[in-house]
Amino acid sequence: MDPDLTTILAAYRRLVTTLNRAKTHAQLTEAAGVRLDRPDVQILVHLLDEGGPRRIGAIAEALRVESPHVTRHVSALERRGLLERVRDPDDGRAWRIALTQHGAEAADSCRRISLKWFGGALADWSDHDRAELARLLDRLADDIQDEVHIPSG
């Protein structure tokens, strides 16, 4: 067994575990001033990053989950006034999901807290090291997707 690969995998698992812990998510939403489940945050921030309305299927594909999962969360977020359905300009029979002003504010708040955490963790890193980390993480994500045959979003 490759000891370097074992060390890399252990560090990766520690990072993923930290980021996926319920306590970490609770700290994020508390700091952001919103009460949201992890999938809710993912949907809202995805829509914010995309810069406009998206179809349910496109959201599901980007988040690598099934459409019914997204539909359930979108419905709940609509009831809370964070999302709304708008007509698809390419197909008047279809709908896209859009952030409301309140939803955009919640997504932006969650993103700002995440950036603050990452910025704090990387504060003492050189610009070169930060750029190299970004490059390597992007490469790792692509290569793991290819290895486990997950289509990219």
N, C-alpha and C. Protein backbone atom coordinates (compact mmCIF):
# COMPACT_ATOMS: atom_id res chain seq x y z
N MET A 1 0.85 -1.18 0.00
CA MET A 1 0.00 0.00 0.00
C MET A 1 0.90 1.24 0.00
N ASP A 2 0.55 2.23 -0.81
CA ASP A 2 1.31 3.47 -0.95
C ASP A 2 1.11 4.35 0.29
N PRO A 3 2.17 4.57 1.11
CA PRO A 3 2.00 5.37 2.33
C PRO A 3 1.62 6.83 2.05
N ASP A 4 2.10 7.40 0.95
CA ASP A 4 1.73 8.78 0.61
C ASP A 4 0.24 8.86 0.29
N LEU A 5 -0.26 7.88 -0.45
CA LEU A 5 -1.68 7.86 -0.81
C LEU A 5 -2.54 7.68 0.43
N THR A 6 -2.09 6.84 1.35
CA THR A 6 -2.81 6.63 2.61
C THR A 6 -2.87 7.93 3.41
N THR A 7 -1.78 8.68 3.46
CA THR A 7 -1.73 9.96 4.17
C THR A 7 -2.66 10.98 3.51
N ILE A 8 -2.65 11.03 2.19
CA ILE A 8 -3.52 11.96 1.45
C ILE A 8 -4.98 11.62 1.72
N LEU A 9 -5.33 10.35 1.65
CA LEU A 9 -6.71 9.94 1.87
C LEU A 9 -7.15 10.26 3.29
N ALA A 10 -6.29 10.05 4.27
CA ALA A 10 -6.63 10.36 5.66
C ALA A 10 -6.88 11.86 5.84
N ALA A 11 -6.04 12.69 5.23
CA ALA A 11 -6.22 14.14 5.33
C ALA A 11 -7.51 14.57 4.63
N TYR A 12 -7.77 13.97 3.48
CA TYR A 12 -9.00 14.27 2.74
C TYR A 12 -10.23 13.90 3.57
N ARG A 13 -10.21 12.72 4.17
CA ARG A 13 -11.35 12.29 4.99
C ARG A 13 -11.55 13.20 6.19
N ARG A 14 -10.47 13.64 6.79
CA ARG A 14 -10.57 14.56 7.93
C ARG A 14 -11.21 15.88 7.50
N LEU A 15 -10.82 16.40 6.35
CA LEU A 15 -11.39 17.64 5.84
C LEU A 15 -12.87 17.47 5.52
N VAL A 16 -13.21 16.41 4.81
CA VAL A 16 -14.61 16.17 4.44
C VAL A 16 -15.46 15.97 5.69
N THR A 17 -14.95 15.22 6.65
CA THR A 17 -15.69 14.99 7.89
C THR A 17 -15.95 16.31 8.61
N THR A 18 -14.94 17.16 8.68
CA THR A 18 -15.11 18.46 9.34
C THR A 18 -16.16 19.30 8.63
N LEU A 19 -16.10 19.34 7.32
CA LEU A 19 -17.04 20.17 6.57
C LEU A 19 -18.45 19.60 6.56
N ASN A 20 -18.59 18.29 6.70
CA ASN A 20 -19.91 17.66 6.65
C ASN A 20 -20.54 17.43 8.02
N ARG A 21 -19.84 17.77 9.07
CA ARG A 21 -20.40 17.57 10.41
C ARG A 21 -21.63 18.45 10.61
N ALA A 22 -22.62 17.90 11.28
CA ALA A 22 -23.84 18.66 11.56
C ALA A 22 -23.51 19.91 12.37
N LYS A 23 -22.56 19.80 13.28
CA LYS A 23 -22.18 20.94 14.11
C LYS A 23 -21.58 22.06 13.25
N THR A 24 -20.78 21.70 12.27
CA THR A 24 -20.20 22.70 11.37
C THR A 24 -21.31 23.41 10.60
N HIS A 25 -22.27 22.63 10.10
CA HIS A 25 -23.38 23.22 9.36
C HIS A 25 -24.21 24.13 10.28
N ALA A 26 -24.44 23.69 11.50
CA ALA A 26 -25.20 24.51 12.45
C ALA A 26 -24.47 25.82 12.73
N GLN A 27 -23.15 25.76 12.85
CA GLN A 27 -22.37 26.98 13.07
C GLN A 27 -22.47 27.91 11.86
N LEU A 28 -22.44 27.33 10.67
CA LEU A 28 -22.55 28.12 9.44
C LEU A 28 -23.89 28.86 9.40
N THR A 29 -24.98 28.13 9.57
CA THR A 29 -26.29 28.76 9.44
C THR A 29 -26.57 29.72 10.59
N GLU A 30 -26.05 29.41 11.77
CA GLU A 30 -26.22 30.35 12.89
C GLU A 30 -25.47 31.64 12.62
N ALA A 31 -24.23 31.52 12.17
CA ALA A 31 -23.43 32.71 11.85
C ALA A 31 -24.05 33.51 10.70
N ALA A 32 -24.67 32.80 9.75
CA ALA A 32 -25.30 33.46 8.61
C ALA A 32 -26.67 34.03 8.96
N GLY A 33 -27.20 33.63 10.12
CA GLY A 33 -28.49 34.15 10.55
C GLY A 33 -29.68 33.53 9.83
N VAL A 34 -29.51 32.30 9.35
CA VAL A 34 -30.60 31.59 8.65
C VAL A 34 -30.70 30.17 9.18
N ARG A 35 -31.91 29.64 9.19
CA ARG A 35 -32.13 28.24 9.57
C ARG A 35 -32.41 27.44 8.31
N LEU A 36 -31.40 26.71 7.87
CA LEU A 36 -31.52 25.95 6.63
C LEU A 36 -30.83 24.59 6.78
N ASP A 37 -31.41 23.58 6.12
CA ASP A 37 -30.75 22.29 6.03
C ASP A 37 -29.58 22.40 5.06
N ARG A 38 -28.66 21.44 5.13
CA ARG A 38 -27.50 21.44 4.25
C ARG A 38 -27.92 21.45 2.77
N PRO A 39 -28.88 20.60 2.35
CA PRO A 39 -29.28 20.65 0.93
C PRO A 39 -29.90 22.00 0.54
N ASP A 40 -30.59 22.65 1.47
CA ASP A 40 -31.17 23.97 1.19
C ASP A 40 -30.06 24.97 0.87
N VAL A 41 -29.02 24.95 1.69
CA VAL A 41 -27.88 25.87 1.47
C VAL A 41 -27.24 25.57 0.12
N GLN A 42 -27.06 24.29 -0.18
CA GLN A 42 -26.44 23.92 -1.45
C GLN A 42 -27.25 24.44 -2.64
N ILE A 43 -28.55 24.30 -2.58
CA ILE A 43 -29.41 24.77 -3.67
C ILE A 43 -29.35 26.29 -3.78
N LEU A 44 -29.49 26.99 -2.66
CA LEU A 44 -29.48 28.45 -2.70
C LEU A 44 -28.14 28.99 -3.20
N VAL A 45 -27.05 28.47 -2.69
CA VAL A 45 -25.73 28.96 -3.11
C VAL A 45 -25.46 28.60 -4.57
N HIS A 46 -25.91 27.43 -5.00
CA HIS A 46 -25.76 27.06 -6.41
C HIS A 46 -26.46 28.08 -7.30
N LEU A 47 -27.70 28.42 -6.96
CA LEU A 47 -28.44 29.39 -7.76
C LEU A 47 -27.77 30.76 -7.74
N LEU A 48 -27.23 31.14 -6.59
CA LEU A 48 -26.50 32.40 -6.49
C LEU A 48 -25.27 32.37 -7.40
N ASP A 49 -24.52 31.26 -7.35
CA ASP A 49 -23.32 31.12 -8.18
C ASP A 49 -23.66 31.13 -9.67
N GLU A 50 -24.80 30.54 -10.03
CA GLU A 50 -25.21 30.47 -11.43
C GLU A 50 -25.65 31.83 -11.95
N GLY A 51 -26.11 32.69 -11.07
CA GLY A 51 -26.49 34.03 -11.47
C GLY A 51 -27.85 34.15 -12.14
N GLY A 52 -28.66 33.12 -12.05
CA GLY A 52 -29.99 33.20 -12.64
C GLY A 52 -30.77 31.92 -12.45
N PRO A 53 -32.03 31.95 -12.85
CA PRO A 53 -32.91 30.79 -12.68
C PRO A 53 -32.41 29.56 -13.42
N ARG A 54 -32.70 28.39 -12.83
CA ARG A 54 -32.29 27.11 -13.42
C ARG A 54 -33.44 26.13 -13.31
N ARG A 55 -33.49 25.19 -14.21
CA ARG A 55 -34.47 24.11 -14.13
C ARG A 55 -34.08 23.15 -13.01
N ILE A 56 -35.07 22.46 -12.47
CA ILE A 56 -34.84 21.49 -11.40
C ILE A 56 -33.79 20.45 -11.82
N GLY A 57 -33.92 19.93 -13.02
CA GLY A 57 -32.97 18.92 -13.50
C GLY A 57 -31.55 19.43 -13.56
N ALA A 58 -31.38 20.69 -13.95
CA ALA A 58 -30.03 21.27 -14.02
C ALA A 58 -29.45 21.45 -12.62
N ILE A 59 -30.30 21.83 -11.68
CA ILE A 59 -29.84 21.95 -10.28
C ILE A 59 -29.42 20.59 -9.76
N ALA A 60 -30.25 19.58 -10.00
CA ALA A 60 -29.96 18.22 -9.53
C ALA A 60 -28.66 17.71 -10.14
N GLU A 61 -28.49 17.93 -11.42
CA GLU A 61 -27.27 17.47 -12.09
C GLU A 61 -26.04 18.16 -11.51
N ALA A 62 -26.11 19.46 -11.30
CA ALA A 62 -24.97 20.19 -10.76
C ALA A 62 -24.62 19.73 -9.34
N LEU A 63 -25.64 19.40 -8.55
CA LEU A 63 -25.43 18.96 -7.17
C LEU A 63 -25.23 17.46 -7.07
N ARG A 64 -25.37 16.77 -8.20
CA ARG A 64 -25.19 15.33 -8.29
C ARG A 64 -26.14 14.56 -7.36
N VAL A 65 -27.41 14.96 -7.44
CA VAL A 65 -28.48 14.29 -6.69
C VAL A 65 -29.63 14.05 -7.66
N GLU A 66 -30.63 13.31 -7.21
CA GLU A 66 -31.79 13.03 -8.04
C GLU A 66 -32.77 14.21 -8.03
N SER A 67 -33.48 14.41 -9.13
CA SER A 67 -34.43 15.52 -9.25
C SER A 67 -35.49 15.54 -8.15
N PRO A 68 -36.07 14.39 -7.74
CA PRO A 68 -37.09 14.44 -6.68
C PRO A 68 -36.55 15.02 -5.37
N HIS A 69 -35.28 14.77 -5.09
CA HIS A 69 -34.65 15.33 -3.90
C HIS A 69 -34.65 16.86 -3.98
N VAL A 70 -34.27 17.39 -5.12
CA VAL A 70 -34.24 18.84 -5.31
C VAL A 70 -35.66 19.40 -5.26
N THR A 71 -36.60 18.71 -5.91
CA THR A 71 -37.99 19.17 -5.93
C THR A 71 -38.54 19.34 -4.52
N ARG A 72 -38.29 18.38 -3.65
CA ARG A 72 -38.77 18.47 -2.26
C ARG A 72 -38.21 19.70 -1.56
N HIS A 73 -36.93 19.92 -1.72
CA HIS A 73 -36.30 21.06 -1.04
C HIS A 73 -36.75 22.38 -1.67
N VAL A 74 -36.88 22.41 -2.98
CA VAL A 74 -37.34 23.63 -3.65
C VAL A 74 -38.73 23.99 -3.17
N SER A 75 -39.61 23.01 -3.06
CA SER A 75 -40.97 23.29 -2.58
C SER A 75 -40.96 23.90 -1.19
N ALA A 76 -40.15 23.35 -0.31
CA ALA A 76 -40.05 23.88 1.05
C ALA A 76 -39.46 25.29 1.04
N LEU A 77 -38.47 25.52 0.21
CA LEU A 77 -37.85 26.85 0.13
C LEU A 77 -38.80 27.87 -0.50
N GLU A 78 -39.65 27.42 -1.41
CA GLU A 78 -40.69 28.30 -1.97
C GLU A 78 -41.67 28.74 -0.87
N ARG A 79 -42.09 27.78 -0.07
CA ARG A 79 -43.04 28.10 1.01
C ARG A 79 -42.43 29.10 1.99
N ARG A 80 -41.14 29.09 2.13
CA ARG A 80 -40.46 30.02 3.04
C ARG A 80 -40.13 31.36 2.37
N GLY A 81 -40.44 31.48 1.09
CA GLY A 81 -40.20 32.74 0.39
C GLY A 81 -38.76 32.93 -0.06
N LEU A 82 -37.99 31.85 -0.12
CA LEU A 82 -36.59 31.96 -0.52
C LEU A 82 -36.38 31.68 -2.01
N LEU A 83 -37.32 30.95 -2.60
CA LEU A 83 -37.28 30.64 -4.02
C LEU A 83 -38.64 30.90 -4.64
N GLU A 84 -38.63 31.07 -5.97
CA GLU A 84 -39.88 31.21 -6.71
C GLU A 84 -39.71 30.55 -8.07
N ARG A 85 -40.82 30.17 -8.65
CA ARG A 85 -40.81 29.59 -10.00
C ARG A 85 -41.07 30.70 -11.00
N VAL A 86 -40.28 30.68 -12.07
CA VAL A 86 -40.46 31.64 -13.16
C VAL A 86 -40.53 30.86 -14.46
N ARG A 87 -41.26 31.40 -15.42
CA ARG A 87 -41.39 30.74 -16.72
C ARG A 87 -40.02 30.63 -17.39
N ASP A 88 -39.82 29.50 -18.03
CA ASP A 88 -38.61 29.27 -18.79
C ASP A 88 -38.74 30.04 -20.11
N PRO A 89 -37.86 30.99 -20.39
CA PRO A 89 -37.99 31.77 -21.63
C PRO A 89 -37.79 30.92 -22.89
N ASP A 90 -37.13 29.76 -22.74
CA ASP A 90 -36.89 28.89 -23.89
C ASP A 90 -38.05 27.93 -24.14
N ASP A 91 -38.92 27.75 -23.13
CA ASP A 91 -40.05 26.83 -23.24
C ASP A 91 -41.14 27.32 -22.29
N GLY A 92 -42.12 28.00 -22.82
CA GLY A 92 -43.17 28.62 -22.01
C GLY A 92 -43.97 27.64 -21.16
N ARG A 93 -43.86 26.35 -21.45
CA ARG A 93 -44.58 25.35 -20.64
C ARG A 93 -43.78 24.95 -19.41
N ALA A 94 -42.50 25.25 -19.40
CA ALA A 94 -41.60 24.81 -18.32
C ALA A 94 -41.32 25.94 -17.33
N TRP A 95 -40.80 25.55 -16.19
CA TRP A 95 -40.48 26.50 -15.13
C TRP A 95 -39.01 26.41 -14.77
N ARG A 96 -38.49 27.51 -14.32
CA ARG A 96 -37.15 27.56 -13.74
C ARG A 96 -37.30 28.02 -12.30
N ILE A 97 -36.30 27.73 -11.51
CA ILE A 97 -36.29 28.10 -10.10
C ILE A 97 -35.37 29.30 -9.93
N ALA A 98 -35.88 30.33 -9.26
CA ALA A 98 -35.12 31.56 -9.07
C ALA A 98 -35.06 31.92 -7.59
N LEU A 99 -34.00 32.56 -7.21
CA LEU A 99 -33.88 33.11 -5.86
C LEU A 99 -34.78 34.32 -5.73
N THR A 100 -35.44 34.44 -4.60
CA THR A 100 -36.10 35.70 -4.27
C THR A 100 -35.02 36.59 -3.65
N GLN A 101 -35.36 37.82 -3.37
CA GLN A 101 -34.40 38.71 -2.70
C GLN A 101 -33.96 38.11 -1.37
N HIS A 102 -34.92 37.60 -0.61
CA HIS A 102 -34.63 36.98 0.69
C HIS A 102 -33.73 35.75 0.51
N GLY A 103 -33.99 34.96 -0.52
CA GLY A 103 -33.17 33.78 -0.80
C GLY A 103 -31.76 34.15 -1.20
N ALA A 104 -31.62 35.19 -2.02
CA ALA A 104 -30.28 35.66 -2.42
C ALA A 104 -29.50 36.16 -1.22
N GLU A 105 -30.18 36.85 -0.32
CA GLU A 105 -29.51 37.35 0.89
C GLU A 105 -29.05 36.19 1.77
N ALA A 106 -29.89 35.16 1.91
CA ALA A 106 -29.52 33.99 2.72
C ALA A 106 -28.34 33.26 2.09
N ALA A 107 -28.38 33.06 0.78
CA ALA A 107 -27.28 32.38 0.09
C ALA A 107 -25.99 33.18 0.21
N ASP A 108 -26.08 34.47 0.01
CA ASP A 108 -24.90 35.32 0.10
C ASP A 108 -24.32 35.30 1.51
N SER A 109 -25.17 35.29 2.51
CA SER A 109 -24.71 35.25 3.89
C SER A 109 -23.96 33.94 4.17
N CYS A 110 -24.51 32.83 3.71
CA CYS A 110 -23.83 31.54 3.90
C CYS A 110 -22.50 31.51 3.16
N ARG A 111 -22.48 32.04 1.96
CA ARG A 111 -21.23 32.07 1.20
C ARG A 111 -20.19 32.95 1.88
N ARG A 112 -20.61 34.10 2.39
CA ARG A 112 -19.66 34.99 3.08
C ARG A 112 -19.04 34.32 4.31
N ILE A 113 -19.85 33.57 5.07
CA ILE A 113 -19.33 32.87 6.25
C ILE A 113 -18.32 31.80 5.81
N SER A 114 -18.66 31.04 4.78
CA SER A 114 -17.73 30.02 4.29
C SER A 114 -16.42 30.65 3.82
N LEU A 115 -16.52 31.76 3.10
CA LEU A 115 -15.31 32.45 2.64
C LEU A 115 -14.49 32.97 3.83
N LYS A 116 -15.17 33.43 4.86
CA LYS A 116 -14.47 33.89 6.06
C LYS A 116 -13.69 32.74 6.71
N TRP A 117 -14.35 31.58 6.81
CA TRP A 117 -13.67 30.42 7.40
C TRP A 117 -12.46 30.00 6.58
N PHE A 118 -12.65 29.87 5.27
CA PHE A 118 -11.54 29.46 4.42
C PHE A 118 -10.45 30.53 4.41
N GLY A 119 -10.86 31.79 4.37
CA GLY A 119 -9.88 32.89 4.40
C GLY A 119 -9.06 32.86 5.67
N GLY A 120 -9.71 32.59 6.79
CA GLY A 120 -8.98 32.49 8.05
C GLY A 120 -8.02 31.31 8.06
N ALA A 121 -8.48 30.18 7.54
CA ALA A 121 -7.63 28.98 7.52
C ALA A 121 -6.42 29.17 6.60
N LEU A 122 -6.60 29.95 5.54
CA LEU A 122 -5.52 30.14 4.56
C LEU A 122 -4.79 31.47 4.71
N ALA A 123 -5.07 32.19 5.77
CA ALA A 123 -4.52 33.54 5.95
C ALA A 123 -3.00 33.57 5.93
N ASP A 124 -2.37 32.56 6.47
CA ASP A 124 -0.90 32.55 6.54
C ASP A 124 -0.26 31.84 5.35
N TRP A 125 -1.07 31.42 4.41
CA TRP A 125 -0.54 30.75 3.23
C TRP A 125 -0.10 31.81 2.21
N SER A 126 0.95 31.51 1.49
CA SER A 126 1.42 32.44 0.44
C SER A 126 0.42 32.43 -0.72
N ASP A 127 0.47 33.47 -1.53
CA ASP A 127 -0.38 33.52 -2.72
C ASP A 127 -0.11 32.31 -3.62
N HIS A 128 1.15 31.94 -3.72
CA HIS A 128 1.52 30.78 -4.54
C HIS A 128 0.88 29.50 -4.00
N ASP A 129 0.97 29.29 -2.69
CA ASP A 129 0.40 28.08 -2.09
C ASP A 129 -1.12 28.05 -2.25
N ARG A 130 -1.77 29.21 -2.09
CA ARG A 130 -3.23 29.26 -2.26
C ARG A 130 -3.62 28.93 -3.70
N ALA A 131 -2.89 29.48 -4.65
CA ALA A 131 -3.16 29.21 -6.07
C ALA A 131 -2.90 27.73 -6.38
N GLU A 132 -1.84 27.19 -5.80
CA GLU A 132 -1.52 25.78 -6.03
C GLU A 132 -2.58 24.87 -5.42
N LEU A 133 -3.07 25.22 -4.23
CA LEU A 133 -4.15 24.45 -3.60
C LEU A 133 -5.39 24.46 -4.49
N ALA A 134 -5.76 25.63 -4.97
CA ALA A 134 -6.94 25.73 -5.84
C ALA A 134 -6.76 24.88 -7.10
N ARG A 135 -5.59 24.95 -7.69
CA ARG A 135 -5.32 24.17 -8.90
C ARG A 135 -5.38 22.67 -8.62
N LEU A 136 -4.76 22.24 -7.52
CA LEU A 136 -4.73 20.82 -7.20
C LEU A 136 -6.09 20.28 -6.78
N LEU A 137 -6.86 21.07 -6.03
CA LEU A 137 -8.20 20.63 -5.64
C LEU A 137 -9.10 20.48 -6.86
N ASP A 138 -9.00 21.42 -7.78
CA ASP A 138 -9.79 21.34 -9.02
C ASP A 138 -9.39 20.10 -9.81
N ARG A 139 -8.10 19.85 -9.92
CA ARG A 139 -7.61 18.67 -10.62
C ARG A 139 -8.08 17.39 -9.94
N LEU A 140 -7.98 17.35 -8.60
CA LEU A 140 -8.41 16.17 -7.84
C LEU A 140 -9.90 15.90 -8.06
N ALA A 141 -10.71 16.95 -7.99
CA ALA A 141 -12.16 16.79 -8.20
C ALA A 141 -12.43 16.21 -9.58
N ASP A 142 -11.77 16.75 -10.61
CA ASP A 142 -11.97 16.23 -11.97
C ASP A 142 -11.52 14.78 -12.09
N ASP A 143 -10.36 14.47 -11.53
CA ASP A 143 -9.82 13.12 -11.67
C ASP A 143 -10.64 12.09 -10.89
N ILE A 144 -11.14 12.47 -9.72
CA ILE A 144 -11.98 11.53 -8.96
C ILE A 144 -13.30 11.32 -9.69
N GLN A 145 -13.88 12.38 -10.25
CA GLN A 145 -15.10 12.22 -11.04
C GLN A 145 -14.87 11.25 -12.19
N ASP A 146 -13.75 11.39 -12.86
CA ASP A 146 -13.44 10.48 -13.97
C ASP A 146 -13.24 9.05 -13.47
N GLU A 147 -12.56 8.91 -12.36
CA GLU A 147 -12.25 7.58 -11.82
C GLU A 147 -13.51 6.82 -11.38
N VAL A 148 -14.46 7.53 -10.78
CA VAL A 148 -15.67 6.87 -10.33
C VAL A 148 -16.83 7.06 -11.32
N HIS A 149 -16.48 7.61 -12.49
CA HIS A 149 -17.42 7.74 -13.60
C HIS A 149 -18.65 8.60 -13.23
N ILE A 150 -18.40 9.73 -12.61
CA ILE A 150 -19.46 10.69 -12.31
C ILE A 150 -19.38 11.78 -13.37
N PRO A 151 -20.45 11.97 -14.14
CA PRO A 151 -20.41 13.05 -15.14
C PRO A 151 -20.27 14.40 -14.46
N SER A 152 -19.49 15.29 -15.03
CA SER A 152 -19.33 16.63 -14.45
C SER A 152 -20.58 17.44 -14.72
N GLY A 153 -20.82 18.42 -13.80
CA GLY A 153 -22.01 19.27 -13.90
C GLY A 153 -21.78 20.36 -14.83
